[in-house]
Amino acid sequence: MKIFIAVAFIVIIGALVAAGVYMMKRGTGQARSSNMARALAVRIGVSVLLFVCILIAYRLGWINPTGIPLSK
């Protein structure tokens, strides 16, 4: 599960970087805009998928919250 989360974060950051590159790139507005929108859509999709997978893993008992003790 830890590997899946790490890979998902790397994909999210990579999509965000790709969107930034497409935004800064010179060229026709339509192609640049569609590539940037696609990269941002991938980022949002992977983020939602990661959130849902974490919720499912919690419900199945694969991960447990440890919590931070409020007092000693």
C-alpha atoms as a PDB file:
ATOM      1  CA  MET A   1       0.000   0.000   0.000  1.00  0.00           C
ATOM      2  CA  LYS A   2       2.865   2.356   0.768  1.00  0.00           C
ATOM      3  CA  ILE A   3       4.334   1.783  -2.682  1.00  0.00           C
ATOM      4  CA  PHE A   4       0.977   2.482  -4.340  1.00  0.00           C
ATOM      5  CA  ILE A   5       0.631   5.760  -2.436  1.00  0.00           C
ATOM      6  CA  ALA A   6       4.185   6.826  -3.289  1.00  0.00           C
ATOM      7  CA  VAL A   7       3.686   6.040  -6.984  1.00  0.00           C
ATOM      8  CA  ALA A   8       0.378   7.912  -6.987  1.00  0.00           C
ATOM      9  CA  PHE A   9       2.027  10.999  -5.472  1.00  0.00           C
ATOM     10  CA  ILE A  10       4.783  10.852  -8.078  1.00  0.00           C
ATOM     11  CA  VAL A  11       2.190  10.626 -10.878  1.00  0.00           C
ATOM     12  CA  ILE A  12       0.256  13.556  -9.370  1.00  0.00           C
ATOM     13  CA  ILE A  13       3.367  15.727  -9.191  1.00  0.00           C
ATOM     14  CA  GLY A  14       4.418  14.651 -12.698  1.00  0.00           C
ATOM     15  CA  ALA A  15       1.031  15.639 -14.128  1.00  0.00           C
ATOM     16  CA  LEU A  16       1.229  18.979 -12.358  1.00  0.00           C
ATOM     17  CA  VAL A  17       4.713  19.603 -13.772  1.00  0.00           C
ATOM     18  CA  ALA A  18       3.529  18.600 -17.251  1.00  0.00           C
ATOM     19  CA  ALA A  19       0.639  21.059 -17.015  1.00  0.00           C
ATOM     20  CA  GLY A  20       3.069  23.797 -16.016  1.00  0.00           C
ATOM     21  CA  VAL A  21       5.339  22.974 -18.938  1.00  0.00           C
ATOM     22  CA  TYR A  22       2.408  23.067 -21.365  1.00  0.00           C
ATOM     23  CA  MET A  23       1.283  26.372 -19.875  1.00  0.00           C
ATOM     24  CA  MET A  24       4.716  27.967 -20.335  1.00  0.00           C
ATOM     25  CA  LYS A  25       5.340  26.510 -23.789  1.00  0.00           C
ATOM     26  CA  ARG A  26       5.004  28.775 -26.802  1.00  0.00           C
ATOM     27  CA  GLY A  27       2.790  27.615 -29.614  1.00  0.00           C
ATOM     28  CA  THR A  28      -0.779  27.554 -30.749  1.00  0.00           C
ATOM     29  CA  GLY A  29      -3.309  28.295 -28.040  1.00  0.00           C
ATOM     30  CA  GLN A  30      -5.668  25.396 -28.752  1.00  0.00           C
ATOM     31  CA  ALA A  31      -3.061  22.598 -28.661  1.00  0.00           C
ATOM     32  CA  ARG A  32      -1.344  24.051 -25.607  1.00  0.00           C
ATOM     33  CA  SER A  33      -4.636  24.497 -23.795  1.00  0.00           C
ATOM     34  CA  SER A  34      -5.884  20.981 -24.532  1.00  0.00           C
ATOM     35  CA  ASN A  35      -2.599  19.386 -23.406  1.00  0.00           C
ATOM     36  CA  MET A  36      -2.628  21.420 -20.210  1.00  0.00           C
ATOM     37  CA  ALA A  37      -6.271  20.521 -19.526  1.00  0.00           C
ATOM     38  CA  ARG A  38      -5.534  16.827 -20.123  1.00  0.00           C
ATOM     39  CA  ALA A  39      -2.590  16.907 -17.697  1.00  0.00           C
ATOM     40  CA  LEU A  40      -4.707  18.602 -15.028  1.00  0.00           C
ATOM     41  CA  ALA A  41      -7.539  16.111 -15.597  1.00  0.00           C
ATOM     42  CA  VAL A  42      -5.072  13.247 -15.057  1.00  0.00           C
ATOM     43  CA  ARG A  43      -3.904  14.882 -11.842  1.00  0.00           C
ATOM     44  CA  ILE A  44      -7.446  15.251 -10.535  1.00  0.00           C
ATOM     45  CA  GLY A  45      -8.360  11.693 -11.549  1.00  0.00           C
ATOM     46  CA  VAL A  46      -5.333  10.174  -9.828  1.00  0.00           C
ATOM     47  CA  SER A  47      -5.966  12.288  -6.707  1.00  0.00           C
ATOM     48  CA  VAL A  48      -9.574  11.104  -6.473  1.00  0.00           C
ATOM     49  CA  LEU A  49      -8.519   7.496  -7.118  1.00  0.00           C
ATOM     50  CA  LEU A  50      -5.888   7.722  -4.365  1.00  0.00           C
ATOM     51  CA  PHE A  51      -8.441   9.151  -1.918  1.00  0.00           C
ATOM     52  CA  VAL A  52     -10.953   6.401  -2.706  1.00  0.00           C
ATOM     53  CA  CYS A  53      -8.284   3.694  -2.394  1.00  0.00           C
ATOM     54  CA  ILE A  54      -7.237   5.031   1.017  1.00  0.00           C
ATOM     55  CA  LEU A  55     -10.865   5.015   2.184  1.00  0.00           C
ATOM     56  CA  ILE A  56     -11.364   1.447   0.950  1.00  0.00           C
ATOM     57  CA  ALA A  57      -8.124   0.293   2.583  1.00  0.00           C
ATOM     58  CA  TYR A  58      -9.256   1.848   5.870  1.00  0.00           C
ATOM     59  CA  ARG A  59     -12.667   0.154   5.675  1.00  0.00           C
ATOM     60  CA  LEU A  60     -11.065  -3.224   4.926  1.00  0.00           C
ATOM     61  CA  GLY A  61      -8.668  -2.839   7.845  1.00  0.00           C
ATOM     62  CA  TRP A  62      -5.503  -2.766   5.740  1.00  0.00           C
ATOM     63  CA  ILE A  63      -4.481   0.555   7.287  1.00  0.00           C
ATOM     64  CA  ASN A  64      -5.234   1.850  10.765  1.00  0.00           C
ATOM     65  CA  PRO A  65      -5.057   5.385  12.126  1.00  0.00           C
ATOM     66  CA  THR A  66      -2.425   5.749  14.812  1.00  0.00           C
ATOM     67  CA  GLY A  67      -3.483   9.162  16.053  1.00  0.00           C
ATOM     68  CA  ILE A  68      -1.509  11.697  17.982  1.00  0.00           C
ATOM     69  CA  PRO A  69      -1.883  11.566  21.755  1.00  0.00           C
ATOM     70  CA  LEU A  70      -3.346  14.826  23.025  1.00  0.00           C
ATOM     71  CA  SER A  71      -2.105  14.452  26.590  1.00  0.00           C
ATOM     72  CA  LYS A  72       0.360  12.306  28.491  1.00  0.00           C
END
